[in-house]
Amino acid sequence: IKLLRLILSFASECLDFDIDEIDEFKVALTEIVSFLKPYISNDEPFRFSFYHENNVLETEIAARICGGSSFDIDEASPMYIVARSMLDELAFNDKEDGTFLVRMVKQKRGNNDRK
């Protein structure tokens, strides 16, 4: 988690996000990764991707679920509530092949495209 937060700080700084926006994304990332940690297979690596364009930072986490099991996201859970309040978009996709994808989007404040 520390390395992901460091990379996120660097990417956000390059995009000229303010300190509060960076911290919000870090908190959301920490909540999500902490939630997912018990489900991630230790035998296979996970993919963590950053995309940025037009004052928007998008992050994706893709990994295999331990034992091919699935998990449910409770939208009333503290993890989901905290992460969703810090992000502009949050999506969890549990796939039939035993993998999942988490997509997080943060738009720079003052961006006229923000929903």
PDB file of N, CA and C in Angstrom:
ATOM      1  N   ILE A   1       0.837  -1.193   0.000  1.00  0.00           N
ATOM      2  CA  ILE A   1       0.000   0.000   0.000  1.00  0.00           C
ATOM      3  C   ILE A   1       0.876   1.250   0.000  1.00  0.00           C
ATOM      4  N   LYS A   2       1.986   1.220   0.725  1.00  0.00           N
ATOM      5  CA  LYS A   2       2.857   2.401   0.793  1.00  0.00           C
ATOM      6  C   LYS A   2       3.398   2.777  -0.588  1.00  0.00           C
ATOM      7  N   LEU A   3       3.816   1.775  -1.360  1.00  0.00           N
ATOM      8  CA  LEU A   3       4.338   2.058  -2.689  1.00  0.00           C
ATOM      9  C   LEU A   3       3.247   2.626  -3.598  1.00  0.00           C
ATOM     10  N   LEU A   4       2.052   2.075  -3.524  1.00  0.00           N
ATOM     11  CA  LEU A   4       0.951   2.587  -4.342  1.00  0.00           C
ATOM     12  C   LEU A   4       0.626   4.024  -3.982  1.00  0.00           C
ATOM     13  N   ARG A   5       0.647   4.341  -2.686  1.00  0.00           N
ATOM     14  CA  ARG A   5       0.374   5.710  -2.244  1.00  0.00           C
ATOM     15  C   ARG A   5       1.458   6.674  -2.733  1.00  0.00           C
ATOM     16  N   LEU A   6       2.715   6.220  -2.721  1.00  0.00           N
ATOM     17  CA  LEU A   6       3.819   7.048  -3.204  1.00  0.00           C
ATOM     18  C   LEU A   6       3.671   7.324  -4.697  1.00  0.00           C
ATOM     19  N   ILE A   7       3.367   6.289  -5.461  1.00  0.00           N
ATOM     20  CA  ILE A   7       3.163   6.457  -6.903  1.00  0.00           C
ATOM     21  C   ILE A   7       1.987   7.390  -7.169  1.00  0.00           C
ATOM     22  N   LEU A   8       0.921   7.218  -6.424  1.00  0.00           N
ATOM     23  CA  LEU A   8      -0.251   8.075  -6.575  1.00  0.00           C
ATOM     24  C   LEU A   8       0.097   9.527  -6.261  1.00  0.00           C
ATOM     25  N   SER A   9       0.877   9.767  -5.228  1.00  0.00           N
ATOM     26  CA  SER A   9       1.301  11.131  -4.876  1.00  0.00           C
ATOM     27  C   SER A   9       2.076  11.762  -6.019  1.00  0.00           C
ATOM     28  N   PHE A  10       3.006  11.001  -6.582  1.00  0.00           N
ATOM     29  CA  PHE A  10       3.803  11.514  -7.696  1.00  0.00           C
ATOM     30  C   PHE A  10       2.913  11.848  -8.893  1.00  0.00           C
ATOM     31  N   ALA A  11       2.031  10.935  -9.253  1.00  0.00           N
ATOM     32  CA  ALA A  11       1.146  11.165 -10.409  1.00  0.00           C
ATOM     33  C   ALA A  11       0.238  12.369 -10.174  1.00  0.00           C
ATOM     34  N   SER A  12      -0.317  12.465  -8.984  1.00  0.00           N
ATOM     35  CA  SER A  12      -1.212  13.581  -8.676  1.00  0.00           C
ATOM     36  C   SER A  12      -0.474  14.917  -8.687  1.00  0.00           C
ATOM     37  N   GLU A  13       0.755  14.907  -8.180  1.00  0.00           N
ATOM     38  CA  GLU A  13       1.580  16.121  -8.172  1.00  0.00           C
ATOM     39  C   GLU A  13       1.875  16.586  -9.590  1.00  0.00           C
ATOM     40  N   CYS A  14       2.174  15.639 -10.473  1.00  0.00           N
ATOM     41  CA  CYS A  14       2.444  15.973 -11.875  1.00  0.00           C
ATOM     42  C   CYS A  14       1.219  16.583 -12.552  1.00  0.00           C
ATOM     43  N   LEU A  15       0.042  16.195 -12.093  1.00  0.00           N
ATOM     44  CA  LEU A  15      -1.199  16.704 -12.672  1.00  0.00           C
ATOM     45  C   LEU A  15      -1.674  17.973 -11.987  1.00  0.00           C
ATOM     46  N   ASP A  16      -0.920  18.449 -11.006  1.00  0.00           N
ATOM     47  CA  ASP A  16      -1.224  19.684 -10.299  1.00  0.00           C
ATOM     48  C   ASP A  16      -2.531  19.610  -9.494  1.00  0.00           C
ATOM     49  N   PHE A  17      -2.799  18.431  -8.918  1.00  0.00           N
ATOM     50  CA  PHE A  17      -3.913  18.303  -7.988  1.00  0.00           C
ATOM     51  C   PHE A  17      -3.494  18.965  -6.682  1.00  0.00           C
ATOM     52  N   ASP A  18      -4.430  19.555  -5.953  1.00  0.00           N
ATOM     53  CA  ASP A  18      -4.040  20.157  -4.676  1.00  0.00           C
ATOM     54  C   ASP A  18      -3.892  19.072  -3.614  1.00  0.00           C
ATOM     55  N   ILE A  19      -3.312  19.428  -2.485  1.00  0.00           N
ATOM     56  CA  ILE A  19      -2.983  18.464  -1.437  1.00  0.00           C
ATOM     57  C   ILE A  19      -4.217  17.723  -0.923  1.00  0.00           C
ATOM     58  N   ASP A  20      -5.348  18.406  -0.820  1.00  0.00           N
ATOM     59  CA  ASP A  20      -6.571  17.761  -0.357  1.00  0.00           C
ATOM     60  C   ASP A  20      -7.051  16.699  -1.344  1.00  0.00           C
ATOM     61  N   GLU A  21      -6.964  16.997  -2.626  1.00  0.00           N
ATOM     62  CA  GLU A  21      -7.370  16.021  -3.646  1.00  0.00           C
ATOM     63  C   GLU A  21      -6.459  14.795  -3.621  1.00  0.00           C
ATOM     64  N   ILE A  22      -5.167  15.013  -3.435  1.00  0.00           N
ATOM     65  CA  ILE A  22      -4.220  13.909  -3.343  1.00  0.00           C
ATOM     66  C   ILE A  22      -4.540  13.046  -2.127  1.00  0.00           C
ATOM     67  N   ASP A  23      -4.763  13.696  -0.984  1.00  0.00           N
ATOM     68  CA  ASP A  23      -5.073  12.954   0.245  1.00  0.00           C
ATOM     69  C   ASP A  23      -6.377  12.174   0.120  1.00  0.00           C
ATOM     70  N   GLU A  24      -7.378  12.758  -0.520  1.00  0.00           N
ATOM     71  CA  GLU A  24      -8.649  12.063  -0.717  1.00  0.00           C
ATOM     72  C   GLU A  24      -8.451  10.786  -1.536  1.00  0.00           C
ATOM     73  N   PHE A  25      -7.654  10.894  -2.607  1.00  0.00           N
ATOM     74  CA  PHE A  25      -7.420   9.713  -3.432  1.00  0.00           C
ATOM     75  C   PHE A  25      -6.633   8.673  -2.647  1.00  0.00           C
ATOM     76  N   LYS A  26      -5.656   9.104  -1.853  1.00  0.00           N
ATOM     77  CA  LYS A  26      -4.872   8.171  -1.033  1.00  0.00           C
ATOM     78  C   LYS A  26      -5.756   7.441  -0.021  1.00  0.00           C
ATOM     79  N   VAL A  27      -6.651   8.171   0.628  1.00  0.00           N
ATOM     80  CA  VAL A  27      -7.554   7.543   1.601  1.00  0.00           C
ATOM     81  C   VAL A  27      -8.435   6.515   0.902  1.00  0.00           C
ATOM     82  N   ALA A  28      -9.002   6.886  -0.236  1.00  0.00           N
ATOM     83  CA  ALA A  28      -9.861   5.962  -0.983  1.00  0.00           C
ATOM     84  C   ALA A  28      -9.072   4.724  -1.408  1.00  0.00           C
ATOM     85  N   LEU A  29      -7.866   4.929  -1.921  1.00  0.00           N
ATOM     86  CA  LEU A  29      -7.024   3.817  -2.348  1.00  0.00           C
ATOM     87  C   LEU A  29      -6.709   2.886  -1.180  1.00  0.00           C
ATOM     88  N   THR A  30      -6.344   3.453  -0.042  1.00  0.00           N
ATOM     89  CA  THR A  30      -6.022   2.653   1.137  1.00  0.00           C
ATOM     90  C   THR A  30      -7.223   1.839   1.601  1.00  0.00           C
ATOM     91  N   GLU A  31      -8.405   2.456   1.633  1.00  0.00           N
ATOM     92  CA  GLU A  31      -9.620   1.749   2.031  1.00  0.00           C
ATOM     93  C   GLU A  31      -9.905   0.577   1.099  1.00  0.00           C
ATOM     94  N   ILE A  32      -9.795   0.813  -0.195  1.00  0.00           N
ATOM     95  CA  ILE A  32     -10.118  -0.216  -1.183  1.00  0.00           C
ATOM     96  C   ILE A  32      -9.106  -1.360  -1.137  1.00  0.00           C
ATOM     97  N   VAL A  33      -7.814  -1.037  -1.118  1.00  0.00           N
ATOM     98  CA  VAL A  33      -6.790  -2.085  -1.088  1.00  0.00           C
ATOM     99  C   VAL A  33      -6.870  -2.884   0.212  1.00  0.00           C
ATOM    100  N   SER A  34      -7.119  -2.226   1.324  1.00  0.00           N
ATOM    101  CA  SER A  34      -7.259  -2.934   2.599  1.00  0.00           C
ATOM    102  C   SER A  34      -8.449  -3.890   2.564  1.00  0.00           C
ATOM    103  N   PHE A  35      -9.531  -3.469   1.942  1.00  0.00           N
ATOM    104  CA  PHE A  35     -10.704  -4.329   1.805  1.00  0.00           C
ATOM    105  C   PHE A  35     -10.400  -5.538   0.915  1.00  0.00           C
ATOM    106  N   LEU A  36      -9.692  -5.311  -0.185  1.00  0.00           N
ATOM    107  CA  LEU A  36      -9.439  -6.359  -1.172  1.00  0.00           C
ATOM    108  C   LEU A  36      -8.343  -7.335  -0.763  1.00  0.00           C
ATOM    109  N   LYS A  37      -7.456  -6.914   0.112  1.00  0.00           N
ATOM    110  CA  LYS A  37      -6.274  -7.712   0.463  1.00  0.00           C
ATOM    111  C   LYS A  37      -6.579  -9.176   0.792  1.00  0.00           C
ATOM    112  N   PRO A  38      -7.590  -9.486   1.601  1.00  0.00           N
ATOM    113  CA  PRO A  38      -7.859 -10.902   1.899  1.00  0.00           C
ATOM    114  C   PRO A  38      -8.345 -11.707   0.681  1.00  0.00           C
ATOM    115  N   TYR A  39      -8.833 -11.039  -0.331  1.00  0.00           N
ATOM    116  CA  TYR A  39      -9.367 -11.721  -1.511  1.00  0.00           C
ATOM    117  C   TYR A  39      -8.323 -11.937  -2.608  1.00  0.00           C
ATOM    118  N   ILE A  40      -7.194 -11.202  -2.543  1.00  0.00           N
ATOM    119  CA  ILE A  40      -6.197 -11.254  -3.613  1.00  0.00           C
ATOM    120  C   ILE A  40      -5.328 -12.497  -3.466  1.00  0.00           C
ATOM    121  N   SER A  41      -5.154 -13.218  -4.556  1.00  0.00           N
ATOM    122  CA  SER A  41      -4.320 -14.409  -4.579  1.00  0.00           C
ATOM    123  C   SER A  41      -2.855 -14.024  -4.419  1.00  0.00           C
ATOM    124  N   ASN A  42      -2.148 -14.710  -3.537  1.00  0.00           N
ATOM    125  CA  ASN A  42      -0.719 -14.479  -3.348  1.00  0.00           C
ATOM    126  C   ASN A  42       0.109 -15.136  -4.446  1.00  0.00           C
ATOM    127  N   ASP A  43      -0.493 -16.052  -5.185  1.00  0.00           N
ATOM    128  CA  ASP A  43       0.220 -16.794  -6.220  1.00  0.00           C
ATOM    129  C   ASP A  43       0.335 -16.039  -7.540  1.00  0.00           C
ATOM    130  N   GLU A  44      -0.467 -15.020  -7.703  1.00  0.00           N
ATOM    131  CA  GLU A  44      -0.465 -14.279  -8.957  1.00  0.00           C
ATOM    132  C   GLU A  44      -0.378 -12.785  -8.682  1.00  0.00           C
ATOM    133  N   PRO A  45       0.348 -12.061  -9.515  1.00  0.00           N
ATOM    134  CA  PRO A  45       0.465 -10.615  -9.303  1.00  0.00           C
ATOM    135  C   PRO A  45      -0.841  -9.912  -9.651  1.00  0.00           C
ATOM    136  N   PHE A  46      -0.986  -8.710  -9.123  1.00  0.00           N
ATOM    137  CA  PHE A  46      -2.118  -7.897  -9.535  1.00  0.00           C
ATOM    138  C   PHE A  46      -1.607  -6.742 -10.370  1.00  0.00           C
ATOM    139  N   ARG A  47      -2.489  -6.157 -11.150  1.00  0.00           N
ATOM    140  CA  ARG A  47      -2.132  -5.032 -12.020  1.00  0.00           C
ATOM    141  C   ARG A  47      -2.717  -3.762 -11.440  1.00  0.00           C
ATOM    142  N   PHE A  48      -1.893  -2.741 -11.383  1.00  0.00           N
ATOM    143  CA  PHE A  48      -2.314  -1.432 -10.897  1.00  0.00           C
ATOM    144  C   PHE A  48      -1.973  -0.441 -11.984  1.00  0.00           C
ATOM    145  N   SER A  49      -2.957   0.262 -12.527  1.00  0.00           N
ATOM    146  CA  SER A  49      -2.742   1.157 -13.667  1.00  0.00           C
ATOM    147  C   SER A  49      -3.210   2.566 -13.357  1.00  0.00           C
ATOM    148  N   PHE A  50      -2.464   3.540 -13.858  1.00  0.00           N
ATOM    149  CA  PHE A  50      -2.846   4.955 -13.781  1.00  0.00           C
ATOM    150  C   PHE A  50      -3.050   5.479 -15.192  1.00  0.00           C
ATOM    151  N   TYR A  51      -4.080   6.281 -15.353  1.00  0.00           N
ATOM    152  CA  TYR A  51      -4.319   6.994 -16.597  1.00  0.00           C
ATOM    153  C   TYR A  51      -4.646   8.436 -16.220  1.00  0.00           C
ATOM    154  N   HIS A  52      -4.188   9.369 -17.009  1.00  0.00           N
ATOM    155  CA  HIS A  52      -4.565  10.754 -16.753  1.00  0.00           C
ATOM    156  C   HIS A  52      -4.755  11.495 -18.065  1.00  0.00           C
ATOM    157  N   GLU A  53      -5.740  12.362 -18.052  1.00  0.00           N
ATOM    158  CA  GLU A  53      -6.043  13.173 -19.216  1.00  0.00           C
ATOM    159  C   GLU A  53      -7.035  14.246 -18.797  1.00  0.00           C
ATOM    160  N   ASN A  54      -6.803  15.456 -19.256  1.00  0.00           N
ATOM    161  CA  ASN A  54      -7.734  16.567 -19.019  1.00  0.00           C
ATOM    162  C   ASN A  54      -8.125  16.705 -17.548  1.00  0.00           C
ATOM    163  N   ASN A  55      -7.122  16.744 -16.650  1.00  0.00           N
ATOM    164  CA  ASN A  55      -7.351  16.934 -15.212  1.00  0.00           C
ATOM    165  C   ASN A  55      -8.166  15.820 -14.564  1.00  0.00           C
ATOM    166  N   VAL A  56      -8.073  14.634 -15.129  1.00  0.00           N
ATOM    167  CA  VAL A  56      -8.753  13.469 -14.575  1.00  0.00           C
ATOM    168  C   VAL A  56      -7.703  12.381 -14.339  1.00  0.00           C
ATOM    169  N   LEU A  57      -7.714  11.823 -13.136  1.00  0.00           N
ATOM    170  CA  LEU A  57      -6.827  10.715 -12.798  1.00  0.00           C
ATOM    171  C   LEU A  57      -7.687   9.475 -12.625  1.00  0.00           C
ATOM    172  N   GLU A  58      -7.365   8.431 -13.377  1.00  0.00           N
ATOM    173  CA  GLU A  58      -8.109   7.174 -13.304  1.00  0.00           C
ATOM    174  C   GLU A  58      -7.142   6.069 -12.897  1.00  0.00           C
ATOM    175  N   THR A  59      -7.553   5.254 -11.959  1.00  0.00           N
ATOM    176  CA  THR A  59      -6.749   4.146 -11.477  1.00  0.00           C
ATOM    177  C   THR A  59      -7.563   2.873 -11.582  1.00  0.00           C
ATOM    178  N   GLU A  60      -6.895   1.799 -12.013  1.00  0.00           N
ATOM    179  CA  GLU A  60      -7.542   0.491 -12.077  1.00  0.00           C
ATOM    180  C   GLU A  60      -6.694  -0.532 -11.344  1.00  0.00           C
ATOM    181  N   ILE A  61      -7.360  -1.395 -10.611  1.00  0.00           N
ATOM    182  CA  ILE A  61      -6.715  -2.532  -9.967  1.00  0.00           C
ATOM    183  C   ILE A  61      -7.386  -3.782 -10.529  1.00  0.00           C
ATOM    184  N   ALA A  62      -6.573  -4.690 -11.066  1.00  0.00           N
ATOM    185  CA  ALA A  62      -7.095  -5.956 -11.573  1.00  0.00           C
ATOM    186  C   ALA A  62      -6.313  -7.079 -10.905  1.00  0.00           C
ATOM    187  N   ALA A  63      -7.019  -8.077 -10.384  1.00  0.00           N
ATOM    188  CA  ALA A  63      -6.363  -9.186  -9.685  1.00  0.00           C
ATOM    189  C   ALA A  63      -7.225 -10.434  -9.729  1.00  0.00           C
ATOM    190  N   ARG A  64      -6.598 -11.543  -9.427  1.00  0.00           N
ATOM    191  CA  ARG A  64      -7.314 -12.819  -9.326  1.00  0.00           C
ATOM    192  C   ARG A  64      -7.768 -12.997  -7.889  1.00  0.00           C
ATOM    193  N   ILE A  65      -8.969 -13.493  -7.732  1.00  0.00           N
ATOM    194  CA  ILE A  65      -9.553 -13.724  -6.416  1.00  0.00           C
ATOM    195  C   ILE A  65      -9.059 -15.076  -5.900  1.00  0.00           C
ATOM    196  N   CYS A  66      -8.684 -15.136  -4.635  1.00  0.00           N
ATOM    197  CA  CYS A  66      -8.212 -16.390  -4.006  1.00  0.00           C
ATOM    198  C   CYS A  66      -9.230 -17.506  -4.214  1.00  0.00           C
ATOM    199  N   GLY A  67      -8.752 -18.642  -4.661  1.00  0.00           N
ATOM    200  CA  GLY A  67      -9.606 -19.817  -4.779  1.00  0.00           C
ATOM    201  C   GLY A  67     -10.740 -19.670  -5.768  1.00  0.00           C
ATOM    202  N   GLY A  68     -10.708 -18.641  -6.596  1.00  0.00           N
ATOM    203  CA  GLY A  68     -11.771 -18.445  -7.570  1.00  0.00           C
ATOM    204  C   GLY A  68     -13.097 -18.040  -6.951  1.00  0.00           C
ATOM    205  N   SER A  69     -13.061 -17.702  -5.656  1.00  0.00           N
ATOM    206  CA  SER A  69     -14.301 -17.288  -4.997  1.00  0.00           C
ATOM    207  C   SER A  69     -14.706 -15.904  -5.472  1.00  0.00           C
ATOM    208  N   SER A  70     -15.807 -15.441  -5.011  1.00  0.00           N
ATOM    209  CA  SER A  70     -16.245 -14.100  -5.368  1.00  0.00           C
ATOM    210  C   SER A  70     -16.481 -13.319  -4.081  1.00  0.00           C
ATOM    211  N   PHE A  71     -16.694 -12.055  -4.247  1.00  0.00           N
ATOM    212  CA  PHE A  71     -17.000 -11.235  -3.086  1.00  0.00           C
ATOM    213  C   PHE A  71     -18.099 -10.258  -3.471  1.00  0.00           C
ATOM    214  N   ASP A  72     -18.804  -9.813  -2.494  1.00  0.00           N
ATOM    215  CA  ASP A  72     -19.872  -8.843  -2.717  1.00  0.00           C
ATOM    216  C   ASP A  72     -19.470  -7.514  -2.101  1.00  0.00           C
ATOM    217  N   ILE A  73     -19.789  -6.458  -2.784  1.00  0.00           N
ATOM    218  CA  ILE A  73     -19.530  -5.120  -2.267  1.00  0.00           C
ATOM    219  C   ILE A  73     -20.829  -4.612  -1.662  1.00  0.00           C
ATOM    220  N   ASP A  74     -20.794  -4.373  -0.381  1.00  0.00           N
ATOM    221  CA  ASP A  74     -21.932  -3.813   0.324  1.00  0.00           C
ATOM    222  C   ASP A  74     -21.819  -2.294   0.264  1.00  0.00           C
ATOM    223  N   GLU A  75     -22.701  -1.651  -0.484  1.00  0.00           N
ATOM    224  CA  GLU A  75     -22.642  -0.206  -0.651  1.00  0.00           C
ATOM    225  C   GLU A  75     -22.919   0.552   0.636  1.00  0.00           C
ATOM    226  N   ALA A  76     -23.354  -0.150   1.683  1.00  0.00           N
ATOM    227  CA  ALA A  76     -23.557   0.483   2.986  1.00  0.00           C
ATOM    228  C   ALA A  76     -22.346   0.282   3.901  1.00  0.00           C
ATOM    229  N   SER A  77     -21.320  -0.434   3.409  1.00  0.00           N
ATOM    230  CA  SER A  77     -20.136  -0.685   4.231  1.00  0.00           C
ATOM    231  C   SER A  77     -19.322   0.597   4.387  1.00  0.00           C
ATOM    232  N   PRO A  78     -18.618   0.730   5.513  1.00  0.00           N
ATOM    233  CA  PRO A  78     -17.784   1.924   5.720  1.00  0.00           C
ATOM    234  C   PRO A  78     -16.741   2.107   4.615  1.00  0.00           C
ATOM    235  N   MET A  79     -16.123   1.004   4.142  1.00  0.00           N
ATOM    236  CA  MET A  79     -15.126   1.110   3.080  1.00  0.00           C
ATOM    237  C   MET A  79     -15.722   1.768   1.842  1.00  0.00           C
ATOM    238  N   TYR A  80     -16.886   1.291   1.423  1.00  0.00           N
ATOM    239  CA  TYR A  80     -17.507   1.818   0.214  1.00  0.00           C
ATOM    240  C   TYR A  80     -17.927   3.276   0.409  1.00  0.00           C
ATOM    241  N   ILE A  81     -18.518   3.587   1.538  1.00  0.00           N
ATOM    242  CA  ILE A  81     -18.987   4.952   1.808  1.00  0.00           C
ATOM    243  C   ILE A  81     -17.818   5.931   1.807  1.00  0.00           C
ATOM    244  N   VAL A  82     -16.726   5.564   2.490  1.00  0.00           N
ATOM    245  CA  VAL A  82     -15.556   6.449   2.548  1.00  0.00           C
ATOM    246  C   VAL A  82     -14.946   6.613   1.157  1.00  0.00           C
ATOM    247  N   ALA A  83     -14.687   5.506   0.478  1.00  0.00           N
ATOM    248  CA  ALA A  83     -14.052   5.579  -0.839  1.00  0.00           C
ATOM    249  C   ALA A  83     -14.925   6.342  -1.827  1.00  0.00           C
ATOM    250  N   ARG A  84     -16.207   6.061  -1.830  1.00  0.00           N
ATOM    251  CA  ARG A  84     -17.115   6.738  -2.783  1.00  0.00           C
ATOM    252  C   ARG A  84     -17.192   8.239  -2.515  1.00  0.00           C
ATOM    253  N   SER A  85     -17.121   8.641  -1.250  1.00  0.00           N
ATOM    254  CA  SER A  85     -17.193  10.068  -0.932  1.00  0.00           C
ATOM    255  C   SER A  85     -15.934  10.814  -1.365  1.00  0.00           C
ATOM    256  N   MET A  86     -14.830  10.102  -1.530  1.00  0.00           N
ATOM    257  CA  MET A  86     -13.552  10.727  -1.898  1.00  0.00           C
ATOM    258  C   MET A  86     -13.306  10.750  -3.406  1.00  0.00           C
ATOM    259  N   LEU A  87     -14.092   9.973  -4.159  1.00  0.00           N
ATOM    260  CA  LEU A  87     -13.877   9.823  -5.592  1.00  0.00           C
ATOM    261  C   LEU A  87     -15.057  10.348  -6.393  1.00  0.00           C
ATOM    262  N   ASP A  88     -14.818  10.607  -7.664  1.00  0.00           N
ATOM    263  CA  ASP A  88     -15.906  10.989  -8.562  1.00  0.00           C
ATOM    264  C   ASP A  88     -16.596   9.773  -9.142  1.00  0.00           C
ATOM    265  N   GLU A  89     -15.840   8.682  -9.303  1.00  0.00           N
ATOM    266  CA  GLU A  89     -16.411   7.428  -9.786  1.00  0.00           C
ATOM    267  C   GLU A  89     -15.723   6.273  -9.074  1.00  0.00           C
ATOM    268  N   LEU A  90     -16.496   5.237  -8.766  1.00  0.00           N
ATOM    269  CA  LEU A  90     -15.971   4.029  -8.151  1.00  0.00           C
ATOM    270  C   LEU A  90     -16.781   2.852  -8.676  1.00  0.00           C
ATOM    271  N   ALA A  91     -16.090   1.859  -9.251  1.00  0.00           N
ATOM    272  CA  ALA A  91     -16.783   0.691  -9.788  1.00  0.00           C
ATOM    273  C   ALA A  91     -16.006  -0.572  -9.449  1.00  0.00           C
ATOM    274  N   PHE A  92     -16.736  -1.602  -9.019  1.00  0.00           N
ATOM    275  CA  PHE A  92     -16.181  -2.925  -8.753  1.00  0.00           C
ATOM    276  C   PHE A  92     -16.823  -3.891  -9.737  1.00  0.00           C
ATOM    277  N   ASN A  93     -16.006  -4.670 -10.421  1.00  0.00           N
ATOM    278  CA  ASN A  93     -16.523  -5.670 -11.346  1.00  0.00           C
ATOM    279  C   ASN A  93     -15.915  -7.022 -11.001  1.00  0.00           C
ATOM    280  N   ASP A  94     -16.739  -7.933 -10.540  1.00  0.00           N
ATOM    281  CA  ASP A  94     -16.344  -9.294 -10.206  1.00  0.00           C
ATOM    282  C   ASP A  94     -16.673 -10.142 -11.432  1.00  0.00           C
ATOM    283  N   LYS A  95     -15.644 -10.753 -12.045  1.00  0.00           N
ATOM    284  CA  LYS A  95     -15.858 -11.483 -13.290  1.00  0.00           C
ATOM    285  C   LYS A  95     -15.958 -12.980 -13.039  1.00  0.00           C
ATOM    286  N   GLU A  96     -16.589 -13.670 -13.966  1.00  0.00           N
ATOM    287  CA  GLU A  96     -16.804 -15.111 -13.846  1.00  0.00           C
ATOM    288  C   GLU A  96     -15.510 -15.921 -13.883  1.00  0.00           C
ATOM    289  N   ASP A  97     -14.442 -15.354 -14.452  1.00  0.00           N
ATOM    290  CA  ASP A  97     -13.179 -16.093 -14.550  1.00  0.00           C
ATOM    291  C   ASP A  97     -12.346 -16.021 -13.267  1.00  0.00           C
ATOM    292  N   GLY A  98     -12.917 -15.479 -12.199  1.00  0.00           N
ATOM    293  CA  GLY A  98     -12.216 -15.416 -10.923  1.00  0.00           C
ATOM    294  C   GLY A  98     -11.362 -14.182 -10.738  1.00  0.00           C
ATOM    295  N   THR A  99     -11.509 -13.209 -11.616  1.00  0.00           N
ATOM    296  CA  THR A  99     -10.777 -11.953 -11.469  1.00  0.00           C
ATOM    297  C   THR A  99     -11.753 -10.830 -11.132  1.00  0.00           C
ATOM    298  N   PHE A 100     -11.196  -9.746 -10.674  1.00  0.00           N
ATOM    299  CA  PHE A 100     -12.017  -8.569 -10.441  1.00  0.00           C
ATOM    300  C   PHE A 100     -11.268  -7.341 -10.917  1.00  0.00           C
ATOM    301  N   LEU A 101     -12.006  -6.287 -11.150  1.00  0.00           N
ATOM    302  CA  LEU A 101     -11.460  -5.016 -11.588  1.00  0.00           C
ATOM    303  C   LEU A 101     -12.094  -3.919 -10.740  1.00  0.00           C
ATOM    304  N   VAL A 102     -11.263  -3.051 -10.214  1.00  0.00           N
ATOM    305  CA  VAL A 102     -11.742  -1.888  -9.466  1.00  0.00           C
ATOM    306  C   VAL A 102     -11.303  -0.655 -10.246  1.00  0.00           C
ATOM    307  N   ARG A 103     -12.225   0.233 -10.522  1.00  0.00           N
ATOM    308  CA  ARG A 103     -11.936   1.462 -11.261  1.00  0.00           C
ATOM    309  C   ARG A 103     -12.250   2.654 -10.366  1.00  0.00           C
ATOM    310  N   MET A 104     -11.248   3.543 -10.200  1.00  0.00           N
ATOM    311  CA  MET A 104     -11.402   4.745  -9.378  1.00  0.00           C
ATOM    312  C   MET A 104     -11.080   5.958 -10.230  1.00  0.00           C
ATOM    313  N   VAL A 105     -11.920   6.981 -10.159  1.00  0.00           N
ATOM    314  CA  VAL A 105     -11.714   8.192 -10.945  1.00  0.00           C
ATOM    315  C   VAL A 105     -11.802   9.400 -10.033  1.00  0.00           C
ATOM    316  N   LYS A 106     -10.804  10.282 -10.160  1.00  0.00           N
ATOM    317  CA  LYS A 106     -10.780  11.540  -9.407  1.00  0.00           C
ATOM    318  C   LYS A 106     -10.548  12.666 -10.404  1.00  0.00           C
ATOM    319  N   GLN A 107     -11.442  13.650 -10.407  1.00  0.00           N
ATOM    320  CA  GLN A 107     -11.289  14.803 -11.282  1.00  0.00           C
ATOM    321  C   GLN A 107     -10.787  15.977 -10.462  1.00  0.00           C
ATOM    322  N   LYS A 108      -9.913  16.756 -11.073  1.00  0.00           N
ATOM    323  CA  LYS A 108      -9.385  17.945 -10.415  1.00  0.00           C
ATOM    324  C   LYS A 108     -10.532  18.911 -10.139  1.00  0.00           C
ATOM    325  N   ARG A 109     -10.550  19.457  -8.942  1.00  0.00           N
ATOM    326  CA  ARG A 109     -11.609  20.423  -8.615  1.00  0.00           C
ATOM    327  C   ARG A 109     -11.523  21.617  -9.529  1.00  0.00           C
ATOM    328  N   GLY A 110     -12.667  22.154  -9.876  1.00  0.00           N
ATOM    329  CA  GLY A 110     -12.705  23.284 -10.790  1.00  0.00           C
ATOM    330  C   GLY A 110     -12.779  22.843 -12.236  1.00  0.00           C
ATOM    331  N   ASN A 111     -12.695  21.527 -12.469  1.00  0.00           N
ATOM    332  CA  ASN A 111     -12.809  20.993 -13.818  1.00  0.00           C
ATOM    333  C   ASN A 111     -14.280  21.076 -14.227  1.00  0.00           C
ATOM    334  N   ASN A 112     -14.556  21.772 -15.305  1.00  0.00           N
ATOM    335  CA  ASN A 112     -15.947  21.982 -15.738  1.00  0.00           C
ATOM    336  C   ASN A 112     -16.632  20.698 -16.173  1.00  0.00           C
ATOM    337  N   ASP A 113     -15.850  19.642 -16.444  1.00  0.00           N
ATOM    338  CA  ASP A 113     -16.437  18.366 -16.862  1.00  0.00           C
ATOM    339  C   ASP A 113     -16.907  17.531 -15.699  1.00  0.00           C
ATOM    340  N   ARG A 114     -16.641  17.969 -14.469  1.00  0.00           N
ATOM    341  CA  ARG A 114     -16.981  17.170 -13.285  1.00  0.00           C
ATOM    342  C   ARG A 114     -18.478  17.003 -13.165  1.00  0.00           C
ATOM    343  N   LYS A 115     -18.879  15.783 -12.812  1.00  0.00           N
ATOM    344  CA  LYS A 115     -20.300  15.464 -12.705  1.00  0.00           C
ATOM    345  C   LYS A 115     -20.808  15.825 -11.344  1.00  0.00           C
TER     346      LYS A 115
END
